[in-house]
Amino acid sequence: MQRMASLIRLRPEQRADYEALHRAVWPEVLATIAACGMRKYSIFLREPELLLFAVWEYHGTDFQADMARMRADPATRRWWALTDPCQDPLASRAPGEWWAPMVEVFHVD
């Protein structure tokens, strides 16, 4: 198991839509998240900066392949068509990234 996290900004004018979407995440999207090895997935909001912090446990063996599988899922693609306009990627992200991955520097159980 590997703990992972990423960061992105929430567009202020899209906040209500984003929160409404996440109060009723589609079952197909949740099934794909689980099928791709992601467990204990949470998104936190930091105010007033409107930073979205996502954290999860990855229980697979090939994260890149699982993320390619997620990107190919039709329901997830439709979900992202609704959520992506709500987000403002960080300028410091690498080419091809949407959410900026973070490095774990400390953990205790």
PDB file of N, CA and C in Angstrom:
ATOM      1  N   MET A   1       0.845  -1.184   0.000  1.00  0.00           N
ATOM      2  CA  MET A   1       0.000   0.000   0.000  1.00  0.00           C
ATOM      3  C   MET A   1       0.884   1.238   0.000  1.00  0.00           C
ATOM      4  N   GLN A   2       0.487   2.215  -0.752  1.00  0.00           N
ATOM      5  CA  GLN A   2       1.203   3.487  -0.826  1.00  0.00           C
ATOM      6  C   GLN A   2       0.204   4.618  -0.597  1.00  0.00           C
ATOM      7  N   ARG A   3       0.526   5.547   0.306  1.00  0.00           N
ATOM      8  CA  ARG A   3      -0.311   6.731   0.500  1.00  0.00           C
ATOM      9  C   ARG A   3       0.081   7.759  -0.562  1.00  0.00           C
ATOM     10  N   MET A   4      -0.914   8.399  -1.132  1.00  0.00           N
ATOM     11  CA  MET A   4      -0.662   9.376  -2.190  1.00  0.00           C
ATOM     12  C   MET A   4      -1.535  10.600  -1.945  1.00  0.00           C
ATOM     13  N   ALA A   5      -1.104  11.735  -2.504  1.00  0.00           N
ATOM     14  CA  ALA A   5      -1.863  12.976  -2.342  1.00  0.00           C
ATOM     15  C   ALA A   5      -1.606  13.887  -3.532  1.00  0.00           C
ATOM     16  N   SER A   6      -2.548  14.788  -3.773  1.00  0.00           N
ATOM     17  CA  SER A   6      -2.382  15.775  -4.836  1.00  0.00           C
ATOM     18  C   SER A   6      -3.151  17.037  -4.472  1.00  0.00           C
ATOM     19  N   LEU A   7      -2.870  18.098  -5.233  1.00  0.00           N
ATOM     20  CA  LEU A   7      -3.379  19.425  -4.905  1.00  0.00           C
ATOM     21  C   LEU A   7      -3.810  20.145  -6.175  1.00  0.00           C
ATOM     22  N   ILE A   8      -4.874  20.944  -6.050  1.00  0.00           N
ATOM     23  CA  ILE A   8      -5.359  21.785  -7.151  1.00  0.00           C
ATOM     24  C   ILE A   8      -6.166  22.916  -6.523  1.00  0.00           C
ATOM     25  N   ARG A   9      -6.414  23.961  -7.273  1.00  0.00           N
ATOM     26  CA  ARG A   9      -7.279  25.048  -6.778  1.00  0.00           C
ATOM     27  C   ARG A   9      -8.713  24.824  -7.234  1.00  0.00           C
ATOM     28  N   LEU A  10      -9.639  25.327  -6.433  1.00  0.00           N
ATOM     29  CA  LEU A  10     -11.058  25.336  -6.784  1.00  0.00           C
ATOM     30  C   LEU A  10     -11.405  26.735  -7.274  1.00  0.00           C
ATOM     31  N   ARG A  11     -12.044  26.823  -8.413  1.00  0.00           N
ATOM     32  CA  ARG A  11     -12.473  28.132  -8.920  1.00  0.00           C
ATOM     33  C   ARG A  11     -13.609  28.639  -8.035  1.00  0.00           C
ATOM     34  N   PRO A  12     -13.472  29.855  -7.492  1.00  0.00           N
ATOM     35  CA  PRO A  12     -14.483  30.340  -6.547  1.00  0.00           C
ATOM     36  C   PRO A  12     -15.898  30.352  -7.120  1.00  0.00           C
ATOM     37  N   GLU A  13     -16.032  30.695  -8.376  1.00  0.00           N
ATOM     38  CA  GLU A  13     -17.364  30.774  -8.979  1.00  0.00           C
ATOM     39  C   GLU A  13     -17.971  29.388  -9.220  1.00  0.00           C
ATOM     40  N   GLN A  14     -17.171  28.332  -9.085  1.00  0.00           N
ATOM     41  CA  GLN A  14     -17.642  26.963  -9.304  1.00  0.00           C
ATOM     42  C   GLN A  14     -17.791  26.158  -8.010  1.00  0.00           C
ATOM     43  N   ARG A  15     -17.532  26.811  -6.888  1.00  0.00           N
ATOM     44  CA  ARG A  15     -17.515  26.090  -5.613  1.00  0.00           C
ATOM     45  C   ARG A  15     -18.832  25.352  -5.339  1.00  0.00           C
ATOM     46  N   ALA A  16     -19.946  26.016  -5.472  1.00  0.00           N
ATOM     47  CA  ALA A  16     -21.238  25.382  -5.174  1.00  0.00           C
ATOM     48  C   ALA A  16     -21.473  24.171  -6.077  1.00  0.00           C
ATOM     49  N   ASP A  17     -21.166  24.294  -7.354  1.00  0.00           N
ATOM     50  CA  ASP A  17     -21.342  23.173  -8.281  1.00  0.00           C
ATOM     51  C   ASP A  17     -20.444  21.996  -7.895  1.00  0.00           C
ATOM     52  N   TYR A  18     -19.195  22.281  -7.577  1.00  0.00           N
ATOM     53  CA  TYR A  18     -18.238  21.234  -7.214  1.00  0.00           C
ATOM     54  C   TYR A  18     -18.698  20.497  -5.961  1.00  0.00           C
ATOM     55  N   GLU A  19     -19.108  21.248  -4.958  1.00  0.00           N
ATOM     56  CA  GLU A  19     -19.566  20.617  -3.720  1.00  0.00           C
ATOM     57  C   GLU A  19     -20.843  19.806  -3.955  1.00  0.00           C
ATOM     58  N   ALA A  20     -21.754  20.310  -4.773  1.00  0.00           N
ATOM     59  CA  ALA A  20     -22.983  19.570  -5.076  1.00  0.00           C
ATOM     60  C   ALA A  20     -22.665  18.256  -5.794  1.00  0.00           C
ATOM     61  N   LEU A  21     -21.758  18.301  -6.751  1.00  0.00           N
ATOM     62  CA  LEU A  21     -21.359  17.080  -7.443  1.00  0.00           C
ATOM     63  C   LEU A  21     -20.819  16.040  -6.461  1.00  0.00           C
ATOM     64  N   HIS A  22     -20.013  16.482  -5.525  1.00  0.00           N
ATOM     65  CA  HIS A  22     -19.378  15.542  -4.602  1.00  0.00           C
ATOM     66  C   HIS A  22     -20.292  15.078  -3.472  1.00  0.00           C
ATOM     67  N   ARG A  23     -21.442  15.694  -3.331  1.00  0.00           N
ATOM     68  CA  ARG A  23     -22.431  15.170  -2.386  1.00  0.00           C
ATOM     69  C   ARG A  23     -23.166  13.970  -2.983  1.00  0.00           C
ATOM     70  N   ALA A  24     -23.030  13.776  -4.289  1.00  0.00           N
ATOM     71  CA  ALA A  24     -23.732  12.684  -4.972  1.00  0.00           C
ATOM     72  C   ALA A  24     -22.854  12.101  -6.079  1.00  0.00           C
ATOM     73  N   VAL A  25     -21.694  11.607  -5.702  1.00  0.00           N
ATOM     74  CA  VAL A  25     -20.785  11.018  -6.696  1.00  0.00           C
ATOM     75  C   VAL A  25     -21.453   9.799  -7.313  1.00  0.00           C
ATOM     76  N   TRP A  26     -21.340   9.682  -8.617  1.00  0.00           N
ATOM     77  CA  TRP A  26     -21.984   8.596  -9.342  1.00  0.00           C
ATOM     78  C   TRP A  26     -21.414   7.242  -8.914  1.00  0.00           C
ATOM     79  N   PRO A  27     -22.258   6.249  -8.743  1.00  0.00           N
ATOM     80  CA  PRO A  27     -21.777   4.907  -8.364  1.00  0.00           C
ATOM     81  C   PRO A  27     -20.745   4.341  -9.340  1.00  0.00           C
ATOM     82  N   GLU A  28     -20.896   4.631 -10.630  1.00  0.00           N
ATOM     83  CA  GLU A  28     -19.934   4.130 -11.621  1.00  0.00           C
ATOM     84  C   GLU A  28     -18.543   4.717 -11.396  1.00  0.00           C
ATOM     85  N   VAL A  29     -18.492   5.975 -11.004  1.00  0.00           N
ATOM     86  CA  VAL A  29     -17.204   6.630 -10.732  1.00  0.00           C
ATOM     87  C   VAL A  29     -16.582   6.020  -9.483  1.00  0.00           C
ATOM     88  N   LEU A  30     -17.375   5.811  -8.455  1.00  0.00           N
ATOM     89  CA  LEU A  30     -16.865   5.186  -7.233  1.00  0.00           C
ATOM     90  C   LEU A  30     -16.363   3.777  -7.514  1.00  0.00           C
ATOM     91  N   ALA A  31     -17.056   3.038  -8.370  1.00  0.00           N
ATOM     92  CA  ALA A  31     -16.628   1.686  -8.720  1.00  0.00           C
ATOM     93  C   ALA A  31     -15.289   1.709  -9.457  1.00  0.00           C
ATOM     94  N   THR A  32     -15.095   2.666 -10.337  1.00  0.00           N
ATOM     95  CA  THR A  32     -13.829   2.768 -11.059  1.00  0.00           C
ATOM     96  C   THR A  32     -12.699   3.137 -10.122  1.00  0.00           C
ATOM     97  N   ILE A  33     -12.940   4.050  -9.199  1.00  0.00           N
ATOM     98  CA  ILE A  33     -11.921   4.412  -8.212  1.00  0.00           C
ATOM     99  C   ILE A  33     -11.470   3.153  -7.464  1.00  0.00           C
ATOM    100  N   ALA A  34     -12.414   2.357  -7.005  1.00  0.00           N
ATOM    101  CA  ALA A  34     -12.084   1.133  -6.271  1.00  0.00           C
ATOM    102  C   ALA A  34     -11.377   0.121  -7.169  1.00  0.00           C
ATOM    103  N   ALA A  35     -11.858  -0.039  -8.401  1.00  0.00           N
ATOM    104  CA  ALA A  35     -11.253  -1.003  -9.322  1.00  0.00           C
ATOM    105  C   ALA A  35      -9.819  -0.636  -9.682  1.00  0.00           C
ATOM    106  N   CYS A  36      -9.488   0.641  -9.565  1.00  0.00           N
ATOM    107  CA  CYS A  36      -8.131   1.115  -9.878  1.00  0.00           C
ATOM    108  C   CYS A  36      -7.237   1.140  -8.643  1.00  0.00           C
ATOM    109  N   GLY A  37      -7.647   0.491  -7.576  1.00  0.00           N
ATOM    110  CA  GLY A  37      -6.787   0.317  -6.413  1.00  0.00           C
ATOM    111  C   GLY A  37      -6.763   1.457  -5.418  1.00  0.00           C
ATOM    112  N   MET A  38      -7.662   2.404  -5.561  1.00  0.00           N
ATOM    113  CA  MET A  38      -7.677   3.548  -4.651  1.00  0.00           C
ATOM    114  C   MET A  38      -8.646   3.279  -3.505  1.00  0.00           C
ATOM    115  N   ARG A  39      -8.171   3.466  -2.282  1.00  0.00           N
ATOM    116  CA  ARG A  39      -8.972   3.252  -1.080  1.00  0.00           C
ATOM    117  C   ARG A  39      -8.828   4.465  -0.165  1.00  0.00           C
ATOM    118  N   LYS A  40      -9.789   4.652   0.719  1.00  0.00           N
ATOM    119  CA  LYS A  40      -9.755   5.741   1.698  1.00  0.00           C
ATOM    120  C   LYS A  40      -9.467   7.084   1.016  1.00  0.00           C
ATOM    121  N   TYR A  41     -10.172   7.330  -0.066  1.00  0.00           N
ATOM    122  CA  TYR A  41      -9.977   8.542  -0.874  1.00  0.00           C
ATOM    123  C   TYR A  41     -10.790   9.685  -0.283  1.00  0.00           C
ATOM    124  N   SER A  42     -10.132  10.787   0.007  1.00  0.00           N
ATOM    125  CA  SER A  42     -10.792  11.984   0.545  1.00  0.00           C
ATOM    126  C   SER A  42     -10.302  13.208  -0.192  1.00  0.00           C
ATOM    127  N   ILE A  43     -11.175  14.208  -0.281  1.00  0.00           N
ATOM    128  CA  ILE A  43     -10.783  15.526  -0.794  1.00  0.00           C
ATOM    129  C   ILE A  43     -11.124  16.535   0.295  1.00  0.00           C
ATOM    130  N   PHE A  44     -10.143  17.345   0.658  1.00  0.00           N
ATOM    131  CA  PHE A  44     -10.318  18.394   1.661  1.00  0.00           C
ATOM    132  C   PHE A  44     -10.229  19.746   0.973  1.00  0.00           C
ATOM    133  N   LEU A  45     -10.908  20.745   1.549  1.00  0.00           N
ATOM    134  CA  LEU A  45     -10.866  22.113   1.036  1.00  0.00           C
ATOM    135  C   LEU A  45     -10.182  23.012   2.051  1.00  0.00           C
ATOM    136  N   ARG A  46      -9.186  23.768   1.601  1.00  0.00           N
ATOM    137  CA  ARG A  46      -8.485  24.748   2.428  1.00  0.00           C
ATOM    138  C   ARG A  46      -8.974  26.137   2.026  1.00  0.00           C
ATOM    139  N   GLU A  47      -9.568  26.820   3.027  1.00  0.00           N
ATOM    140  CA  GLU A  47     -10.010  28.199   2.817  1.00  0.00           C
ATOM    141  C   GLU A  47      -9.078  29.140   3.559  1.00  0.00           C
ATOM    142  N   PRO A  48      -8.887  30.339   3.143  1.00  0.00           N
ATOM    143  CA  PRO A  48      -9.571  31.036   2.050  1.00  0.00           C
ATOM    144  C   PRO A  48      -8.934  30.814   0.685  1.00  0.00           C
ATOM    145  N   GLU A  49      -7.853  30.045   0.620  1.00  0.00           N
ATOM    146  CA  GLU A  49      -7.128  29.871  -0.640  1.00  0.00           C
ATOM    147  C   GLU A  49      -7.868  29.032  -1.674  1.00  0.00           C
ATOM    148  N   LEU A  50      -8.890  28.290  -1.219  1.00  0.00           N
ATOM    149  CA  LEU A  50      -9.655  27.389  -2.074  1.00  0.00           C
ATOM    150  C   LEU A  50      -8.761  26.327  -2.727  1.00  0.00           C
ATOM    151  N   LEU A  51      -7.898  25.727  -1.902  1.00  0.00           N
ATOM    152  CA  LEU A  51      -7.057  24.629  -2.352  1.00  0.00           C
ATOM    153  C   LEU A  51      -7.772  23.319  -2.049  1.00  0.00           C
ATOM    154  N   LEU A  52      -7.811  22.443  -3.041  1.00  0.00           N
ATOM    155  CA  LEU A  52      -8.356  21.106  -2.858  1.00  0.00           C
ATOM    156  C   LEU A  52      -7.182  20.153  -2.658  1.00  0.00           C
ATOM    157  N   PHE A  53      -7.218  19.404  -1.571  1.00  0.00           N
ATOM    158  CA  PHE A  53      -6.179  18.454  -1.226  1.00  0.00           C
ATOM    159  C   PHE A  53      -6.799  17.062  -1.250  1.00  0.00           C
ATOM    160  N   ALA A  54      -6.334  16.208  -2.139  1.00  0.00           N
ATOM    161  CA  ALA A  54      -6.838  14.842  -2.238  1.00  0.00           C
ATOM    162  C   ALA A  54      -5.804  13.895  -1.650  1.00  0.00           C
ATOM    163  N   VAL A  55      -6.284  12.929  -0.893  1.00  0.00           N
ATOM    164  CA  VAL A  55      -5.393  11.936  -0.283  1.00  0.00           C
ATOM    165  C   VAL A  55      -6.070  10.570  -0.363  1.00  0.00           C
ATOM    166  N   TRP A  56      -5.269   9.527  -0.622  1.00  0.00           N
ATOM    167  CA  TRP A  56      -5.801   8.177  -0.746  1.00  0.00           C
ATOM    168  C   TRP A  56      -4.702   7.157  -0.500  1.00  0.00           C
ATOM    169  N   GLU A  57      -5.143   5.921  -0.343  1.00  0.00           N
ATOM    170  CA  GLU A  57      -4.229   4.787  -0.291  1.00  0.00           C
ATOM    171  C   GLU A  57      -4.320   4.068  -1.626  1.00  0.00           C
ATOM    172  N   TYR A  58      -3.166   3.751  -2.202  1.00  0.00           N
ATOM    173  CA  TYR A  58      -3.138   2.989  -3.455  1.00  0.00           C
ATOM    174  C   TYR A  58      -2.741   1.553  -3.122  1.00  0.00           C
ATOM    175  N   HIS A  59      -3.628   0.628  -3.485  1.00  0.00           N
ATOM    176  CA  HIS A  59      -3.426  -0.779  -3.171  1.00  0.00           C
ATOM    177  C   HIS A  59      -3.151  -1.616  -4.415  1.00  0.00           C
ATOM    178  N   GLY A  60      -2.662  -1.013  -5.458  1.00  0.00           N
ATOM    179  CA  GLY A  60      -2.354  -1.749  -6.678  1.00  0.00           C
ATOM    180  C   GLY A  60      -0.862  -1.984  -6.827  1.00  0.00           C
ATOM    181  N   THR A  61      -0.489  -2.451  -8.009  1.00  0.00           N
ATOM    182  CA  THR A  61       0.931  -2.712  -8.291  1.00  0.00           C
ATOM    183  C   THR A  61       1.466  -1.882  -9.450  1.00  0.00           C
ATOM    184  N   ASP A  62       0.586  -1.227 -10.214  1.00  0.00           N
ATOM    185  CA  ASP A  62       1.020  -0.422 -11.358  1.00  0.00           C
ATOM    186  C   ASP A  62       0.120   0.820 -11.443  1.00  0.00           C
ATOM    187  N   PHE A  63       0.512   1.863 -10.737  1.00  0.00           N
ATOM    188  CA  PHE A  63      -0.308   3.070 -10.644  1.00  0.00           C
ATOM    189  C   PHE A  63      -0.554   3.687 -12.021  1.00  0.00           C
ATOM    190  N   GLN A  64       0.469   3.753 -12.865  1.00  0.00           N
ATOM    191  CA  GLN A  64       0.293   4.360 -14.187  1.00  0.00           C
ATOM    192  C   GLN A  64      -0.733   3.591 -15.016  1.00  0.00           C
ATOM    193  N   ALA A  65      -0.694   2.272 -14.964  1.00  0.00           N
ATOM    194  CA  ALA A  65      -1.669   1.464 -15.710  1.00  0.00           C
ATOM    195  C   ALA A  65      -3.072   1.647 -15.141  1.00  0.00           C
ATOM    196  N   ASP A  66      -3.184   1.699 -13.817  1.00  0.00           N
ATOM    197  CA  ASP A  66      -4.498   1.910 -13.213  1.00  0.00           C
ATOM    198  C   ASP A  66      -5.051   3.288 -13.551  1.00  0.00           C
ATOM    199  N   MET A  67      -4.201   4.298 -13.616  1.00  0.00           N
ATOM    200  CA  MET A  67      -4.676   5.631 -13.983  1.00  0.00           C
ATOM    201  C   MET A  67      -5.063   5.689 -15.462  1.00  0.00           C
ATOM    202  N   ALA A  68      -4.371   4.946 -16.312  1.00  0.00           N
ATOM    203  CA  ALA A  68      -4.766   4.864 -17.721  1.00  0.00           C
ATOM    204  C   ALA A  68      -6.132   4.194 -17.833  1.00  0.00           C
ATOM    205  N   ARG A  69      -6.360   3.171 -17.033  1.00  0.00           N
ATOM    206  CA  ARG A  69      -7.657   2.490 -16.993  1.00  0.00           C
ATOM    207  C   ARG A  69      -8.753   3.467 -16.551  1.00  0.00           C
ATOM    208  N   MET A  70      -8.454   4.290 -15.549  1.00  0.00           N
ATOM    209  CA  MET A  70      -9.423   5.269 -15.077  1.00  0.00           C
ATOM    210  C   MET A  70      -9.715   6.300 -16.166  1.00  0.00           C
ATOM    211  N   ARG A  71      -8.666   6.791 -16.838  1.00  0.00           N
ATOM    212  CA  ARG A  71      -8.854   7.786 -17.908  1.00  0.00           C
ATOM    213  C   ARG A  71      -9.695   7.239 -19.059  1.00  0.00           C
ATOM    214  N   ALA A  72      -9.663   5.923 -19.265  1.00  0.00           N
ATOM    215  CA  ALA A  72     -10.402   5.306 -20.366  1.00  0.00           C
ATOM    216  C   ALA A  72     -11.860   5.019 -20.019  1.00  0.00           C
ATOM    217  N   ASP A  73     -12.221   5.100 -18.760  1.00  0.00           N
ATOM    218  CA  ASP A  73     -13.577   4.766 -18.330  1.00  0.00           C
ATOM    219  C   ASP A  73     -14.568   5.848 -18.780  1.00  0.00           C
ATOM    220  N   PRO A  74     -15.599   5.478 -19.530  1.00  0.00           N
ATOM    221  CA  PRO A  74     -16.544   6.480 -20.042  1.00  0.00           C
ATOM    222  C   PRO A  74     -17.265   7.284 -18.955  1.00  0.00           C
ATOM    223  N   ALA A  75     -17.698   6.641 -17.885  1.00  0.00           N
ATOM    224  CA  ALA A  75     -18.393   7.377 -16.820  1.00  0.00           C
ATOM    225  C   ALA A  75     -17.457   8.366 -16.144  1.00  0.00           C
ATOM    226  N   THR A  76     -16.226   7.950 -15.920  1.00  0.00           N
ATOM    227  CA  THR A  76     -15.253   8.854 -15.295  1.00  0.00           C
ATOM    228  C   THR A  76     -14.960  10.038 -16.201  1.00  0.00           C
ATOM    229  N   ARG A  77     -14.870   9.805 -17.490  1.00  0.00           N
ATOM    230  CA  ARG A  77     -14.636  10.905 -18.435  1.00  0.00           C
ATOM    231  C   ARG A  77     -15.803  11.901 -18.412  1.00  0.00           C
ATOM    232  N   ARG A  78     -17.035  11.391 -18.330  1.00  0.00           N
ATOM    233  CA  ARG A  78     -18.194  12.290 -18.234  1.00  0.00           C
ATOM    234  C   ARG A  78     -18.166  13.061 -16.914  1.00  0.00           C
ATOM    235  N   TRP A  79     -17.762  12.395 -15.820  1.00  0.00           N
ATOM    236  CA  TRP A  79     -17.640  13.042 -14.511  1.00  0.00           C
ATOM    237  C   TRP A  79     -16.606  14.163 -14.579  1.00  0.00           C
ATOM    238  N   TRP A  80     -15.455  13.877 -15.156  1.00  0.00           N
ATOM    239  CA  TRP A  80     -14.402  14.887 -15.263  1.00  0.00           C
ATOM    240  C   TRP A  80     -14.832  16.062 -16.136  1.00  0.00           C
ATOM    241  N   ALA A  81     -15.691  15.826 -17.123  1.00  0.00           N
ATOM    242  CA  ALA A  81     -16.201  16.924 -17.952  1.00  0.00           C
ATOM    243  C   ALA A  81     -16.991  17.910 -17.100  1.00  0.00           C
ATOM    244  N   LEU A  82     -17.554  17.443 -15.997  1.00  0.00           N
ATOM    245  CA  LEU A  82     -18.279  18.319 -15.076  1.00  0.00           C
ATOM    246  C   LEU A  82     -17.370  18.928 -14.012  1.00  0.00           C
ATOM    247  N   THR A  83     -16.417  18.150 -13.501  1.00  0.00           N
ATOM    248  CA  THR A  83     -15.575  18.635 -12.401  1.00  0.00           C
ATOM    249  C   THR A  83     -14.369  19.449 -12.867  1.00  0.00           C
ATOM    250  N   ASP A  84     -13.793  19.112 -14.011  1.00  0.00           N
ATOM    251  CA  ASP A  84     -12.590  19.833 -14.461  1.00  0.00           C
ATOM    252  C   ASP A  84     -12.798  21.340 -14.599  1.00  0.00           C
ATOM    253  N   PRO A  85     -13.929  21.813 -15.130  1.00  0.00           N
ATOM    254  CA  PRO A  85     -14.117  23.267 -15.230  1.00  0.00           C
ATOM    255  C   PRO A  85     -14.179  23.968 -13.869  1.00  0.00           C
ATOM    256  N   CYS A  86     -14.388  23.211 -12.809  1.00  0.00           N
ATOM    257  CA  CYS A  86     -14.427  23.772 -11.459  1.00  0.00           C
ATOM    258  C   CYS A  86     -13.028  23.966 -10.876  1.00  0.00           C
ATOM    259  N   GLN A  87     -12.045  23.376 -11.518  1.00  0.00           N
ATOM    260  CA  GLN A  87     -10.691  23.341 -10.975  1.00  0.00           C
ATOM    261  C   GLN A  87      -9.744  24.248 -11.746  1.00  0.00           C
ATOM    262  N   ASP A  88      -8.745  24.741 -11.026  1.00  0.00           N
ATOM    263  CA  ASP A  88      -7.724  25.619 -11.594  1.00  0.00           C
ATOM    264  C   ASP A  88      -6.364  25.005 -11.264  1.00  0.00           C
ATOM    265  N   PRO A  89      -5.755  24.281 -12.210  1.00  0.00           N
ATOM    266  CA  PRO A  89      -4.495  23.602 -11.929  1.00  0.00           C
ATOM    267  C   PRO A  89      -3.389  24.572 -11.512  1.00  0.00           C
ATOM    268  N   LEU A  90      -2.493  24.080 -10.677  1.00  0.00           N
ATOM    269  CA  LEU A  90      -1.372  24.892 -10.221  1.00  0.00           C
ATOM    270  C   LEU A  90      -0.390  25.124 -11.365  1.00  0.00           C
ATOM    271  N   ALA A  91       0.155  26.310 -11.441  1.00  0.00           N
ATOM    272  CA  ALA A  91       1.129  26.631 -12.492  1.00  0.00           C
ATOM    273  C   ALA A  91       2.381  25.767 -12.380  1.00  0.00           C
ATOM    274  N   SER A  92       2.677  25.281 -11.191  1.00  0.00           N
ATOM    275  CA  SER A  92       3.894  24.497 -10.964  1.00  0.00           C
ATOM    276  C   SER A  92       3.751  23.022 -11.319  1.00  0.00           C
ATOM    277  N   ARG A  93       2.585  22.593 -11.777  1.00  0.00           N
ATOM    278  CA  ARG A  93       2.422  21.179 -12.102  1.00  0.00           C
ATOM    279  C   ARG A  93       3.259  20.815 -13.323  1.00  0.00           C
ATOM    280  N   ALA A  94       3.576  19.550 -13.459  1.00  0.00           N
ATOM    281  CA  ALA A  94       4.366  19.074 -14.592  1.00  0.00           C
ATOM    282  C   ALA A  94       3.479  18.968 -15.837  1.00  0.00           C
ATOM    283  N   PRO A  95       4.081  18.995 -17.019  1.00  0.00           N
ATOM    284  CA  PRO A  95       3.303  18.817 -18.246  1.00  0.00           C
ATOM    285  C   PRO A  95       2.492  17.516 -18.190  1.00  0.00           C
ATOM    286  N   GLY A  96       1.238  17.599 -18.605  1.00  0.00           N
ATOM    287  CA  GLY A  96       0.371  16.435 -18.612  1.00  0.00           C
ATOM    288  C   GLY A  96      -0.351  16.174 -17.302  1.00  0.00           C
ATOM    289  N   GLU A  97       0.000  16.890 -16.232  1.00  0.00           N
ATOM    290  CA  GLU A  97      -0.673  16.708 -14.950  1.00  0.00           C
ATOM    291  C   GLU A  97      -1.845  17.673 -14.841  1.00  0.00           C
ATOM    292  N   TRP A  98      -2.889  17.257 -14.162  1.00  0.00           N
ATOM    293  CA  TRP A  98      -4.011  18.140 -13.842  1.00  0.00           C
ATOM    294  C   TRP A  98      -3.887  18.504 -12.369  1.00  0.00           C
ATOM    295  N   TRP A  99      -4.102  17.524 -11.491  1.00  0.00           N
ATOM    296  CA  TRP A  99      -3.823  17.698 -10.069  1.00  0.00           C
ATOM    297  C   TRP A  99      -2.308  17.555  -9.902  1.00  0.00           C
ATOM    298  N   ALA A 100      -1.704  18.376  -9.062  1.00  0.00           N
ATOM    299  CA  ALA A 100      -0.260  18.296  -8.816  1.00  0.00           C
ATOM    300  C   ALA A 100       0.012  17.278  -7.704  1.00  0.00           C
ATOM    301  N   PRO A 101       0.792  16.231  -7.997  1.00  0.00           N
ATOM    302  CA  PRO A 101       1.084  15.245  -6.962  1.00  0.00           C
ATOM    303  C   PRO A 101       1.965  15.839  -5.862  1.00  0.00           C
ATOM    304  N   MET A 102       1.846  15.243  -4.686  1.00  0.00           N
ATOM    305  CA  MET A 102       2.610  15.700  -3.527  1.00  0.00           C
ATOM    306  C   MET A 102       3.478  14.539  -3.029  1.00  0.00           C
ATOM    307  N   VAL A 103       4.563  14.893  -2.350  1.00  0.00           N
ATOM    308  CA  VAL A 103       5.473  13.908  -1.777  1.00  0.00           C
ATOM    309  C   VAL A 103       5.233  13.807  -0.279  1.00  0.00           C
ATOM    310  N   GLU A 104       5.078  12.604   0.218  1.00  0.00           N
ATOM    311  CA  GLU A 104       4.897  12.397   1.648  1.00  0.00           C
ATOM    312  C   GLU A 104       6.234  12.600   2.363  1.00  0.00           C
ATOM    313  N   VAL A 105       6.233  13.455   3.382  1.00  0.00           N
ATOM    314  CA  VAL A 105       7.456  13.685   4.151  1.00  0.00           C
ATOM    315  C   VAL A 105       7.364  13.154   5.574  1.00  0.00           C
ATOM    316  N   PHE A 106       6.146  12.784   6.007  1.00  0.00           N
ATOM    317  CA  PHE A 106       5.979  12.233   7.353  1.00  0.00           C
ATOM    318  C   PHE A 106       4.672  11.483   7.456  1.00  0.00           C
ATOM    319  N   HIS A 107       4.687  10.393   8.195  1.00  0.00           N
ATOM    320  CA  HIS A 107       3.474   9.629   8.480  1.00  0.00           C
ATOM    321  C   HIS A 107       3.684   8.850   9.760  1.00  0.00           C
ATOM    322  N   VAL A 108       2.647   8.750  10.574  1.00  0.00           N
ATOM    323  CA  VAL A 108       2.673   7.904  11.755  1.00  0.00           C
ATOM    324  C   VAL A 108       1.320   7.203  11.866  1.00  0.00           C
ATOM    325  N   ASP A 109       1.329   5.941  12.229  1.00  0.00           N
ATOM    326  CA  ASP A 109       0.076   5.198  12.456  1.00  0.00           C
ATOM    327  C   ASP A 109      -0.294   5.289  13.921  1.00  0.00           C
TER     328      ASP A 109
END
